[in-house]
PDB file of N, CA and C in Angstrom:
ATOM      1  N   MET A   1       6.917 123.103-280.344  1.00  0.00           N
ATOM      2  CA  MET A   1       5.826 123.476-281.233  1.00  0.00           C
ATOM      3  C   MET A   1       6.139 122.945-282.664  1.00  0.00           C
ATOM      4  N   ALA A   2       5.173 122.301-283.222  1.00  0.00           N
ATOM      5  CA  ALA A   2       5.380 121.688-284.522  1.00  0.00           C
ATOM      6  C   ALA A   2       5.324 122.768-285.602  1.00  0.00           C
ATOM      7  N   SER A   3       6.172 122.653-286.604  1.00  0.00           N
ATOM      8  CA  SER A   3       6.184 123.590-287.669  1.00  0.00           C
ATOM      9  C   SER A   3       4.983 123.306-288.641  1.00  0.00           C
ATOM     10  N   ARG A   4       4.427 124.365-289.081  1.00  0.00           N
ATOM     11  CA  ARG A   4       3.319 124.228-290.081  1.00  0.00           C
ATOM     12  C   ARG A   4       3.733 124.563-291.447  1.00  0.00           C
ATOM     13  N   GLY A   5       5.084 124.601-291.673  1.00  0.00           N
ATOM     14  CA  GLY A   5       5.628 124.837-292.993  1.00  0.00           C
ATOM     15  C   GLY A   5       5.327 126.191-293.566  1.00  0.00           C
ATOM     16  N   ALA A   6       4.786 126.210-294.738  1.00  0.00           N
ATOM     17  CA  ALA A   6       4.458 127.444-295.443  1.00  0.00           C
ATOM     18  C   ALA A   6       3.526 128.361-294.678  1.00  0.00           C
ATOM     19  N   VAL A   7       2.652 127.774-293.899  1.00  0.00           N
ATOM     20  CA  VAL A   7       1.710 128.602-293.118  1.00  0.00           C
ATOM     21  C   VAL A   7       2.467 129.451-292.118  1.00  0.00           C
ATOM     22  N   ASP A   8       3.456 128.878-291.475  1.00  0.00           N
ATOM     23  CA  ASP A   8       4.329 129.660-290.542  1.00  0.00           C
ATOM     24  C   ASP A   8       4.965 130.833-291.248  1.00  0.00           C
ATOM     25  N   LEU A   9       5.421 130.641-292.454  1.00  0.00           N
ATOM     26  CA  LEU A   9       6.071 131.674-293.225  1.00  0.00           C
ATOM     27  C   LEU A   9       5.075 132.828-293.547  1.00  0.00           C
ATOM     28  N   VAL A  10       3.879 132.432-293.966  1.00  0.00           N
ATOM     29  CA  VAL A  10       2.867 133.445-294.283  1.00  0.00           C
ATOM     30  C   VAL A  10       2.401 134.133-293.016  1.00  0.00           C
ATOM     31  N   ASP A  11       2.284 133.440-291.971  1.00  0.00           N
ATOM     32  CA  ASP A  11       1.921 134.004-290.651  1.00  0.00           C
ATOM     33  C   ASP A  11       2.949 135.036-290.213  1.00  0.00           C
ATOM     34  N   TYR A  12       4.213 134.688-290.316  1.00  0.00           N
ATOM     35  CA  TYR A  12       5.294 135.588-289.953  1.00  0.00           C
ATOM     36  C   TYR A  12       5.252 136.845-290.799  1.00  0.00           C
ATOM     37  N   PHE A  13       5.031 136.665-292.121  1.00  0.00           N
ATOM     38  CA  PHE A  13       4.996 137.841-293.017  1.00  0.00           C
ATOM     39  C   PHE A  13       3.852 138.757-292.634  1.00  0.00           C
ATOM     40  N   ILE A  14       2.692 138.180-292.333  1.00  0.00           N
ATOM     41  CA  ILE A  14       1.528 139.050-291.974  1.00  0.00           C
ATOM     42  C   ILE A  14       1.809 139.798-290.669  1.00  0.00           C
ATOM     43  N   ARG A  15       2.299 139.088-289.672  1.00  0.00           N
ATOM     44  CA  ARG A  15       2.587 139.793-288.397  1.00  0.00           C
ATOM     45  C   ARG A  15       3.655 140.896-288.574  1.00  0.00           C
ATOM     46  N   LYS A  16       4.675 140.581-289.329  1.00  0.00           N
ATOM     47  CA  LYS A  16       5.776 141.537-289.582  1.00  0.00           C
ATOM     48  C   LYS A  16       5.217 142.733-290.401  1.00  0.00           C
ATOM     49  N   SER A  17       4.371 142.451-291.339  1.00  0.00           N
ATOM     50  CA  SER A  17       3.828 143.525-292.150  1.00  0.00           C
ATOM     51  C   SER A  17       2.931 144.469-291.325  1.00  0.00           C
ATOM     52  N   THR A  18       2.227 143.952-290.375  1.00  0.00           N
ATOM     53  CA  THR A  18       1.384 144.759-289.493  1.00  0.00           C
ATOM     54  C   THR A  18       2.324 145.661-288.651  1.00  0.00           C
ATOM     55  N   ARG A  19       3.363 145.138-288.126  1.00  0.00           N
ATOM     56  CA  ARG A  19       4.361 145.970-287.343  1.00  0.00           C
ATOM     57  C   ARG A  19       4.959 147.025-288.263  1.00  0.00           C
ATOM     58  N   ASP A  20       5.389 146.623-289.442  1.00  0.00           N
ATOM     59  CA  ASP A  20       6.023 147.584-290.398  1.00  0.00           C
ATOM     60  C   ASP A  20       5.026 148.655-290.799  1.00  0.00           C
ATOM     61  N   MET A  21       3.789 148.304-291.065  1.00  0.00           N
ATOM     62  CA  MET A  21       2.796 149.296-291.437  1.00  0.00           C
ATOM     63  C   MET A  21       2.629 150.245-290.294  1.00  0.00           C
ATOM     64  N   SER A  22       2.599 149.794-289.087  1.00  0.00           N
ATOM     65  CA  SER A  22       2.446 150.672-287.944  1.00  0.00           C
ATOM     66  C   SER A  22       3.620 151.611-287.837  1.00  0.00           C
ATOM     67  N   SER A  23       4.803 151.104-288.030  1.00  0.00           N
ATOM     68  CA  SER A  23       5.995 151.970-287.976  1.00  0.00           C
ATOM     69  C   SER A  23       5.951 153.064-289.047  1.00  0.00           C
ATOM     70  N   GLN A  24       5.585 152.706-290.203  1.00  0.00           N
ATOM     71  CA  GLN A  24       5.502 153.667-291.304  1.00  0.00           C
ATOM     72  C   GLN A  24       4.464 154.698-291.093  1.00  0.00           C
ATOM     73  N   MET A  25       3.303 154.257-290.542  1.00  0.00           N
ATOM     74  CA  MET A  25       2.193 155.227-290.251  1.00  0.00           C
ATOM     75  C   MET A  25       2.613 156.223-289.191  1.00  0.00           C
ATOM     76  N   LYS A  26       3.378 155.765-288.223  1.00  0.00           N
ATOM     77  CA  LYS A  26       3.772 156.660-287.143  1.00  0.00           C
ATOM     78  C   LYS A  26       4.763 157.744-287.581  1.00  0.00           C
ATOM     79  N   GLN A  27       5.367 157.532-288.776  1.00  0.00           N
ATOM     80  CA  GLN A  27       6.239 158.558-289.322  1.00  0.00           C
ATOM     81  C   GLN A  27       5.511 159.646-290.085  1.00  0.00           C
ATOM     82  N   LEU A  28       4.219 159.398-290.335  1.00  0.00           N
ATOM     83  CA  LEU A  28       3.383 160.414-291.027  1.00  0.00           C
ATOM     84  C   LEU A  28       2.883 161.484-290.031  1.00  0.00           C
ATOM     85  N   ASP A  29       2.415 162.594-290.641  1.00  0.00           N
ATOM     86  CA  ASP A  29       1.740 163.605-289.875  1.00  0.00           C
ATOM     87  C   ASP A  29       0.275 163.231-289.658  1.00  0.00           C
ATOM     88  N   LEU A  30      -0.007 162.261-288.790  1.00  0.00           N
ATOM     89  CA  LEU A  30      -1.329 161.708-288.634  1.00  0.00           C
ATOM     90  C   LEU A  30      -2.296 162.799-288.045  1.00  0.00           C
ATOM     91  N   GLU A  31      -1.787 163.766-287.299  1.00  0.00           N
ATOM     92  CA  GLU A  31      -2.633 164.735-286.713  1.00  0.00           C
ATOM     93  C   GLU A  31      -3.388 165.617-287.787  1.00  0.00           C
ATOM     94  N   SER A  32      -2.743 165.760-288.933  1.00  0.00           N
ATOM     95  CA  SER A  32      -3.337 166.571-289.990  1.00  0.00           C
ATOM     96  C   SER A  32      -4.287 165.827-290.887  1.00  0.00           C
ATOM     97  N   MET A  33      -4.360 164.497-290.708  1.00  0.00           N
ATOM     98  CA  MET A  33      -5.168 163.642-291.546  1.00  0.00           C
ATOM     99  C   MET A  33      -6.527 163.291-290.869  1.00  0.00           C
ATOM    100  N   LYS A  34      -7.553 163.176-291.716  1.00  0.00           N
ATOM    101  CA  LYS A  34      -8.832 162.742-291.196  1.00  0.00           C
ATOM    102  C   LYS A  34      -8.793 161.171-291.025  1.00  0.00           C
ATOM    103  N   VAL A  35      -9.723 160.668-290.239  1.00  0.00           N
ATOM    104  CA  VAL A  35      -9.748 159.259-289.927  1.00  0.00           C
ATOM    105  C   VAL A  35      -9.786 158.397-291.230  1.00  0.00           C
ATOM    106  N   THR A  36     -10.619 158.767-292.156  1.00  0.00           N
ATOM    107  CA  THR A  36     -10.756 158.024-293.390  1.00  0.00           C
ATOM    108  C   THR A  36      -9.452 157.977-294.152  1.00  0.00           C
ATOM    109  N   ALA A  37      -8.739 159.097-294.224  1.00  0.00           N
ATOM    110  CA  ALA A  37      -7.450 159.188-294.888  1.00  0.00           C
ATOM    111  C   ALA A  37      -6.398 158.323-294.172  1.00  0.00           C
ATOM    112  N   LYS A  38      -6.460 158.286-292.884  1.00  0.00           N
ATOM    113  CA  LYS A  38      -5.513 157.430-292.139  1.00  0.00           C
ATOM    114  C   LYS A  38      -5.742 155.950-292.390  1.00  0.00           C
ATOM    115  N   ILE A  39      -7.024 155.575-292.404  1.00  0.00           N
ATOM    116  CA  ILE A  39      -7.353 154.190-292.661  1.00  0.00           C
ATOM    117  C   ILE A  39      -6.923 153.810-294.114  1.00  0.00           C
ATOM    118  N   ARG A  40      -7.242 154.649-295.068  1.00  0.00           N
ATOM    119  CA  ARG A  40      -6.887 154.447-296.425  1.00  0.00           C
ATOM    120  C   ARG A  40      -5.364 154.303-296.588  1.00  0.00           C
ATOM    121  N   LYS A  41      -4.616 155.201-295.953  1.00  0.00           N
ATOM    122  CA  LYS A  41      -3.167 155.183-296.083  1.00  0.00           C
ATOM    123  C   LYS A  41      -2.604 153.872-295.455  1.00  0.00           C
ATOM    124  N   ALA A  42      -3.184 153.472-294.294  1.00  0.00           N
ATOM    125  CA  ALA A  42      -2.729 152.250-293.683  1.00  0.00           C
ATOM    126  C   ALA A  42      -3.003 151.041-294.577  1.00  0.00           C
ATOM    127  N   CYS A  43      -4.151 151.032-295.266  1.00  0.00           N
ATOM    128  CA  CYS A  43      -4.449 149.928-296.207  1.00  0.00           C
ATOM    129  C   CYS A  43      -3.446 149.935-297.421  1.00  0.00           C
ATOM    130  N   GLU A  44      -3.197 151.112-297.852  1.00  0.00           N
ATOM    131  CA  GLU A  44      -2.251 151.243-299.041  1.00  0.00           C
ATOM    132  C   GLU A  44      -0.880 150.710-298.627  1.00  0.00           C
ATOM    133  N   ILE A  45      -0.384 151.152-297.516  1.00  0.00           N
ATOM    134  CA  ILE A  45       0.923 150.729-297.029  1.00  0.00           C
ATOM    135  C   ILE A  45       0.994 149.209-296.865  1.00  0.00           C
ATOM    136  N   ARG A  46      -0.042 148.674-296.256  1.00  0.00           N
ATOM    137  CA  ARG A  46      -0.091 147.218-296.057  1.00  0.00           C
ATOM    138  C   ARG A  46      -0.166 146.463-297.338  1.00  0.00           C
ATOM    139  N   LEU A  47      -0.972 146.917-298.261  1.00  0.00           N
ATOM    140  CA  LEU A  47      -1.106 146.224-299.558  1.00  0.00           C
ATOM    141  C   LEU A  47       0.201 146.326-300.351  1.00  0.00           C
ATOM    142  N   LYS A  48       0.912 147.411-300.294  1.00  0.00           N
ATOM    143  CA  LYS A  48       2.179 147.516-301.034  1.00  0.00           C
ATOM    144  C   LYS A  48       3.202 146.526-300.504  1.00  0.00           C
ATOM    145  N   MET A  49       3.094 146.153-299.261  1.00  0.00           N
ATOM    146  CA  MET A  49       4.037 145.123-298.708  1.00  0.00           C
ATOM    147  C   MET A  49       3.798 143.786-299.313  1.00  0.00           C
ATOM    148  N   THR A  50       2.677 143.541-299.799  1.00  0.00           N
ATOM    149  CA  THR A  50       2.346 142.221-300.355  1.00  0.00           C
ATOM    150  C   THR A  50       2.622 142.211-301.858  1.00  0.00           C
ATOM    151  N   GLN A  51       2.838 143.426-302.479  1.00  0.00           N
ATOM    152  CA  GLN A  51       3.045 143.489-303.906  1.00  0.00           C
ATOM    153  C   GLN A  51       4.145 142.591-304.439  1.00  0.00           C
ATOM    154  N   PRO A  52       5.314 142.490-303.764  1.00  0.00           N
ATOM    155  CA  PRO A  52       6.390 141.622-304.332  1.00  0.00           C
ATOM    156  C   PRO A  52       5.981 140.135-304.387  1.00  0.00           C
ATOM    157  N   PHE A  53       4.974 139.778-303.714  1.00  0.00           N
ATOM    158  CA  PHE A  53       4.527 138.365-303.654  1.00  0.00           C
ATOM    159  C   PHE A  53       3.207 138.136-304.396  1.00  0.00           C
ATOM    160  N   ILE A  54       2.859 139.067-305.302  1.00  0.00           N
ATOM    161  CA  ILE A  54       1.589 139.089-305.878  1.00  0.00           C
ATOM    162  C   ILE A  54       1.222 137.795-306.602  1.00  0.00           C
ATOM    163  N   ARG A  55       2.168 137.143-307.259  1.00  0.00           N
ATOM    164  CA  ARG A  55       1.906 135.917-308.014  1.00  0.00           C
ATOM    165  C   ARG A  55       1.602 134.744-307.109  1.00  0.00           C
ATOM    166  N   LYS A  56       2.173 134.747-305.936  1.00  0.00           N
ATOM    167  CA  LYS A  56       2.023 133.643-305.002  1.00  0.00           C
ATOM    168  C   LYS A  56       0.963 133.927-303.940  1.00  0.00           C
ATOM    169  N   TRP A  57       0.516 135.175-303.831  1.00  0.00           N
ATOM    170  CA  TRP A  57      -0.391 135.581-302.769  1.00  0.00           C
ATOM    171  C   TRP A  57      -1.667 134.747-302.721  1.00  0.00           C
ATOM    172  N   PRO A  58      -2.307 134.471-303.900  1.00  0.00           N
ATOM    173  CA  PRO A  58      -3.504 133.655-303.805  1.00  0.00           C
ATOM    174  C   PRO A  58      -3.278 132.293-303.137  1.00  0.00           C
ATOM    175  N   GLU A  59      -2.083 131.718-303.307  1.00  0.00           N
ATOM    176  CA  GLU A  59      -1.789 130.469-302.625  1.00  0.00           C
ATOM    177  C   GLU A  59      -1.647 130.661-301.116  1.00  0.00           C
ATOM    178  N   ALA A  60      -1.051 131.804-300.725  1.00  0.00           N
ATOM    179  CA  ALA A  60      -0.894 132.103-299.294  1.00  0.00           C
ATOM    180  C   ALA A  60      -2.256 132.270-298.665  1.00  0.00           C
ATOM    181  N   VAL A  61      -3.150 133.021-299.311  1.00  0.00           N
ATOM    182  CA  VAL A  61      -4.476 133.211-298.818  1.00  0.00           C
ATOM    183  C   VAL A  61      -5.240 131.907-298.693  1.00  0.00           C
ATOM    184  N   ALA A  62      -5.048 131.049-299.672  1.00  0.00           N
ATOM    185  CA  ALA A  62      -5.715 129.735-299.653  1.00  0.00           C
ATOM    186  C   ALA A  62      -5.246 128.954-298.396  1.00  0.00           C
ATOM    187  N   LEU A  63      -3.964 128.995-298.075  1.00  0.00           N
ATOM    188  CA  LEU A  63      -3.429 128.339-296.929  1.00  0.00           C
ATOM    189  C   LEU A  63      -4.079 128.902-295.618  1.00  0.00           C
ATOM    190  N   LEU A  64      -4.159 130.223-295.583  1.00  0.00           N
ATOM    191  CA  LEU A  64      -4.673 130.888-294.433  1.00  0.00           C
ATOM    192  C   LEU A  64      -6.109 130.542-294.178  1.00  0.00           C
ATOM    193  N   LEU A  65      -6.855 130.220-295.260  1.00  0.00           N
ATOM    194  CA  LEU A  65      -8.305 129.949-295.128  1.00  0.00           C
ATOM    195  C   LEU A  65      -8.648 128.499-294.855  1.00  0.00           C
ATOM    196  N   LEU A  66      -7.623 127.672-294.761  1.00  0.00           N
ATOM    197  CA  LEU A  66      -7.856 126.283-294.380  1.00  0.00           C
ATOM    198  C   LEU A  66      -8.415 126.224-292.930  1.00  0.00           C
ATOM    199  N   PRO A  67      -9.378 125.365-292.651  1.00  0.00           N
ATOM    200  CA  PRO A  67      -9.975 125.358-291.308  1.00  0.00           C
ATOM    201  C   PRO A  67      -8.986 125.289-290.168  1.00  0.00           C
ATOM    202  N   GLN A  68      -7.926 124.528-290.257  1.00  0.00           N
ATOM    203  CA  GLN A  68      -6.951 124.402-289.229  1.00  0.00           C
ATOM    204  C   GLN A  68      -6.138 125.668-288.987  1.00  0.00           C
ATOM    205  N   ASN A  69      -6.163 126.571-289.965  1.00  0.00           N
ATOM    206  CA  ASN A  69      -5.386 127.809-289.870  1.00  0.00           C
ATOM    207  C   ASN A  69      -6.246 129.031-289.507  1.00  0.00           C
ATOM    208  N   LEU A  70      -7.538 128.908-289.518  1.00  0.00           N
ATOM    209  CA  LEU A  70      -8.430 129.995-289.242  1.00  0.00           C
ATOM    210  C   LEU A  70      -8.194 130.681-287.939  1.00  0.00           C
ATOM    211  N   PRO A  71      -7.955 130.033-286.805  1.00  0.00           N
ATOM    212  CA  PRO A  71      -7.720 130.731-285.569  1.00  0.00           C
ATOM    213  C   PRO A  71      -6.544 131.737-285.695  1.00  0.00           C
ATOM    214  N   THR A  72      -5.459 131.304-286.258  1.00  0.00           N
ATOM    215  CA  THR A  72      -4.319 132.219-286.462  1.00  0.00           C
ATOM    216  C   THR A  72      -4.678 133.329-287.395  1.00  0.00           C
ATOM    217  N   THR A  73      -5.349 133.001-288.482  1.00  0.00           N
ATOM    218  CA  THR A  73      -5.689 133.978-289.510  1.00  0.00           C
ATOM    219  C   THR A  73      -6.574 135.055-288.920  1.00  0.00           C
ATOM    220  N   LEU A  74      -7.594 134.635-288.155  1.00  0.00           N
ATOM    221  CA  LEU A  74      -8.531 135.618-287.538  1.00  0.00           C
ATOM    222  C   LEU A  74      -7.794 136.432-286.517  1.00  0.00           C
ATOM    223  N   SER A  75      -6.899 135.873-285.785  1.00  0.00           N
ATOM    224  CA  SER A  75      -6.146 136.613-284.798  1.00  0.00           C
ATOM    225  C   SER A  75      -5.286 137.678-285.465  1.00  0.00           C
ATOM    226  N   ASN A  76      -4.620 137.295-286.561  1.00  0.00           N
ATOM    227  CA  ASN A  76      -3.794 138.236-287.284  1.00  0.00           C
ATOM    228  C   ASN A  76      -4.645 139.427-287.874  1.00  0.00           C
ATOM    229  N   LEU A  77      -5.786 139.026-288.410  1.00  0.00           N
ATOM    230  CA  LEU A  77      -6.726 140.003-288.960  1.00  0.00           C
ATOM    231  C   LEU A  77      -7.207 140.973-287.889  1.00  0.00           C
ATOM    232  N   HIS A  78      -7.551 140.448-286.756  1.00  0.00           N
ATOM    233  CA  HIS A  78      -8.034 141.287-285.619  1.00  0.00           C
ATOM    234  C   HIS A  78      -6.880 142.226-285.180  1.00  0.00           C
ATOM    235  N   GLU A  79      -5.671 141.727-285.145  1.00  0.00           N
ATOM    236  CA  GLU A  79      -4.538 142.583-284.768  1.00  0.00           C
ATOM    237  C   GLU A  79      -4.327 143.722-285.739  1.00  0.00           C
ATOM    238  N   LEU A  80      -4.422 143.390-287.073  1.00  0.00           N
ATOM    239  CA  LEU A  80      -4.239 144.376-288.115  1.00  0.00           C
ATOM    240  C   LEU A  80      -5.324 145.455-288.012  1.00  0.00           C
ATOM    241  N   VAL A  81      -6.550 145.070-287.939  1.00  0.00           N
ATOM    242  CA  VAL A  81      -7.644 145.986-287.888  1.00  0.00           C
ATOM    243  C   VAL A  81      -7.572 146.828-286.617  1.00  0.00           C
ATOM    244  N   ASP A  82      -7.291 146.226-285.516  1.00  0.00           N
ATOM    245  CA  ASP A  82      -7.121 146.984-284.268  1.00  0.00           C
ATOM    246  C   ASP A  82      -6.024 148.023-284.341  1.00  0.00           C
ATOM    247  N   GLU A  83      -4.917 147.650-284.921  1.00  0.00           N
ATOM    248  CA  GLU A  83      -3.789 148.574-285.078  1.00  0.00           C
ATOM    249  C   GLU A  83      -4.162 149.720-286.030  1.00  0.00           C
ATOM    250  N   MET A  84      -4.839 149.398-287.117  1.00  0.00           N
ATOM    251  CA  MET A  84      -5.263 150.498-288.043  1.00  0.00           C
ATOM    252  C   MET A  84      -6.149 151.495-287.366  1.00  0.00           C
ATOM    253  N   TRP A  85      -7.161 151.007-286.592  1.00  0.00           N
ATOM    254  CA  TRP A  85      -8.068 151.910-285.908  1.00  0.00           C
ATOM    255  C   TRP A  85      -7.323 152.675-284.815  1.00  0.00           C
ATOM    256  N   TYR A  86      -6.403 152.108-284.173  1.00  0.00           N
ATOM    257  CA  TYR A  86      -5.653 152.746-283.098  1.00  0.00           C
ATOM    258  C   TYR A  86      -4.835 153.901-283.773  1.00  0.00           C
ATOM    259  N   LEU A  87      -4.204 153.620-284.856  1.00  0.00           N
ATOM    260  CA  LEU A  87      -3.386 154.617-285.580  1.00  0.00           C
ATOM    261  C   LEU A  87      -4.242 155.731-286.127  1.00  0.00           C
ATOM    262  N   ALA A  88      -5.495 155.415-286.437  1.00  0.00           N
ATOM    263  CA  ALA A  88      -6.442 156.391-286.978  1.00  0.00           C
ATOM    264  C   ALA A  88      -6.970 157.298-285.899  1.00  0.00           C
ATOM    265  N   GLY A  89      -6.608 156.961-284.610  1.00  0.00           N
ATOM    266  CA  GLY A  89      -7.025 157.772-283.503  1.00  0.00           C
ATOM    267  C   GLY A  89      -8.237 157.326-282.715  1.00  0.00           C
ATOM    268  N   ASP A  90      -8.757 156.147-283.150  1.00  0.00           N
ATOM    269  CA  ASP A  90      -9.913 155.584-282.468  1.00  0.00           C
ATOM    270  C   ASP A  90      -9.501 154.813-281.262  1.00  0.00           C
ATOM    271  N   ARG A  91      -9.944 155.256-280.090  1.00  0.00           N
ATOM    272  CA  ARG A  91      -9.586 154.542-278.852  1.00  0.00           C
ATOM    273  C   ARG A  91     -10.829 153.859-278.240  1.00  0.00           C
ATOM    274  N   SER A  92     -11.921 153.862-279.011  1.00  0.00           N
ATOM    275  CA  SER A  92     -13.159 153.258-278.487  1.00  0.00           C
ATOM    276  C   SER A  92     -13.036 151.763-278.551  1.00  0.00           C
ATOM    277  N   VAL A  93     -14.021 151.122-277.966  1.00  0.00           N
ATOM    278  CA  VAL A  93     -14.099 149.652-278.054  1.00  0.00           C
ATOM    279  C   VAL A  93     -15.412 149.285-278.862  1.00  0.00           C
ATOM    280  N   ASP A  94     -15.702 150.098-279.846  1.00  0.00           N
ATOM    281  CA  ASP A  94     -16.847 149.891-280.670  1.00  0.00           C
ATOM    282  C   ASP A  94     -16.671 148.585-281.451  1.00  0.00           C
ATOM    283  N   VAL A  95     -17.164 147.539-280.859  1.00  0.00           N
ATOM    284  CA  VAL A  95     -17.002 146.212-281.394  1.00  0.00           C
ATOM    285  C   VAL A  95     -17.625 146.109-282.818  1.00  0.00           C
ATOM    286  N   LEU A  96     -18.757 146.729-282.990  1.00  0.00           N
ATOM    287  CA  LEU A  96     -19.466 146.638-284.275  1.00  0.00           C
ATOM    288  C   LEU A  96     -18.638 147.209-285.398  1.00  0.00           C
ATOM    289  N   ARG A  97     -18.076 148.394-285.165  1.00  0.00           N
ATOM    290  CA  ARG A  97     -17.249 149.044-286.203  1.00  0.00           C
ATOM    291  C   ARG A  97     -16.020 148.155-286.529  1.00  0.00           C
ATOM    292  N   ARG A  98     -15.400 147.641-285.517  1.00  0.00           N
ATOM    293  CA  ARG A  98     -14.185 146.880-285.733  1.00  0.00           C
ATOM    294  C   ARG A  98     -14.563 145.484-286.291  1.00  0.00           C
ATOM    295  N   GLN A  99     -15.745 145.062-286.059  1.00  0.00           N
ATOM    296  CA  GLN A  99     -16.182 143.788-286.592  1.00  0.00           C
ATOM    297  C   GLN A  99     -16.334 143.792-288.127  1.00  0.00           C
ATOM    298  N   PHE A 100     -16.855 144.913-288.655  1.00  0.00           N
ATOM    299  CA  PHE A 100     -17.076 144.990-290.102  1.00  0.00           C
ATOM    300  C   PHE A 100     -15.842 145.451-290.868  1.00  0.00           C
ATOM    301  N   PHE A 101     -14.924 146.108-290.238  1.00  0.00           N
ATOM    302  CA  PHE A 101     -13.736 146.580-290.951  1.00  0.00           C
ATOM    303  C   PHE A 101     -12.889 145.507-291.551  1.00  0.00           C
ATOM    304  N   PRO A 102     -12.778 144.300-290.906  1.00  0.00           N
ATOM    305  CA  PRO A 102     -11.940 143.273-291.556  1.00  0.00           C
ATOM    306  C   PRO A 102     -12.449 142.928-292.972  1.00  0.00           C
ATOM    307  N   ASP A 103     -13.768 143.006-293.171  1.00  0.00           N
ATOM    308  CA  ASP A 103     -14.310 142.719-294.490  1.00  0.00           C
ATOM    309  C   ASP A 103     -13.743 143.693-295.474  1.00  0.00           C
ATOM    310  N   ILE A 104     -13.660 144.953-295.083  1.00  0.00           N
ATOM    311  CA  ILE A 104     -13.164 146.011-295.946  1.00  0.00           C
ATOM    312  C   ILE A 104     -11.639 145.833-296.190  1.00  0.00           C
ATOM    313  N   SER A 105     -10.944 145.486-295.171  1.00  0.00           N
ATOM    314  CA  SER A 105      -9.471 145.406-295.270  1.00  0.00           C
ATOM    315  C   SER A 105      -9.022 144.125-295.922  1.00  0.00           C
ATOM    316  N   LEU A 106      -9.833 143.031-295.865  1.00  0.00           N
ATOM    317  CA  LEU A 106      -9.407 141.742-296.396  1.00  0.00           C
ATOM    318  C   LEU A 106      -9.725 141.650-297.921  1.00  0.00           C
ATOM    319  N   LYS A 107     -10.786 142.267-298.370  1.00  0.00           N
ATOM    320  CA  LYS A 107     -11.142 142.098-299.769  1.00  0.00           C
ATOM    321  C   LYS A 107     -10.039 142.531-300.708  1.00  0.00           C
ATOM    322  N   PRO A 108      -9.395 143.694-300.455  1.00  0.00           N
ATOM    323  CA  PRO A 108      -8.270 144.027-301.404  1.00  0.00           C
ATOM    324  C   PRO A 108      -7.198 142.925-301.421  1.00  0.00           C
ATOM    325  N   GLU A 109      -6.895 142.269-300.341  1.00  0.00           N
ATOM    326  CA  GLU A 109      -5.887 141.213-300.324  1.00  0.00           C
ATOM    327  C   GLU A 109      -6.323 140.033-301.164  1.00  0.00           C
ATOM    328  N   LEU A 110      -7.624 139.725-301.140  1.00  0.00           N
ATOM    329  CA  LEU A 110      -8.114 138.602-301.916  1.00  0.00           C
ATOM    330  C   LEU A 110      -8.056 138.908-303.391  1.00  0.00           C
ATOM    331  N   TYR A 111      -8.178 140.163-303.807  1.00  0.00           N
ATOM    332  CA  TYR A 111      -8.124 140.523-305.207  1.00  0.00           C
ATOM    333  C   TYR A 111      -6.849 141.326-305.525  1.00  0.00           C
ATOM    334  N   LEU A 112      -5.818 141.093-304.763  1.00  0.00           N
ATOM    335  CA  LEU A 112      -4.570 141.886-304.920  1.00  0.00           C
ATOM    336  C   LEU A 112      -4.020 141.909-306.330  1.00  0.00           C
ATOM    337  N   ASP A 113      -4.032 140.742-307.003  1.00  0.00           N
ATOM    338  CA  ASP A 113      -3.483 140.661-308.312  1.00  0.00           C
ATOM    339  C   ASP A 113      -4.226 141.571-309.317  1.00  0.00           C
ATOM    340  N   GLU A 114      -5.494 141.850-309.067  1.00  0.00           N
ATOM    341  CA  GLU A 114      -6.242 142.744-309.917  1.00  0.00           C
ATOM    342  C   GLU A 114      -6.038 144.224-309.579  1.00  0.00           C
ATOM    343  N   LEU A 115      -5.674 144.496-308.367  1.00  0.00           N
ATOM    344  CA  LEU A 115      -5.520 145.869-307.876  1.00  0.00           C
ATOM    345  C   LEU A 115      -4.183 146.447-308.244  1.00  0.00           C
ATOM    346  N   LEU A 116      -3.146 145.649-308.276  1.00  0.00           N
ATOM    347  CA  LEU A 116      -1.751 146.200-308.516  1.00  0.00           C
ATOM    348  C   LEU A 116      -1.262 146.007-309.889  1.00  0.00           C
TER     349      LEU A 116
END
């Protein structure tokens, strides 16, 4: 498999961050939280993982949005959203709900430097 350079590094970071977010969420008392609070907390945890790279993150996002990288980017986004909903207790296959959530979860990453 050919290396894609910086894209592979960003891809690895995103996949690892999703796993780490999941691990951190599982340590919380999820039973006592409402679905909205669980989703919010998952987003907060995930965004804080990106904070150390705040100055370079716009470049990483630009790489991810190149046409040749979109399949990987969309796959990672689907995995993140699916994991967040699963952790929130949603076991449905409501495609419509999960289809619109990436828009909600991606916008903070696009404006991360303004948020943190």
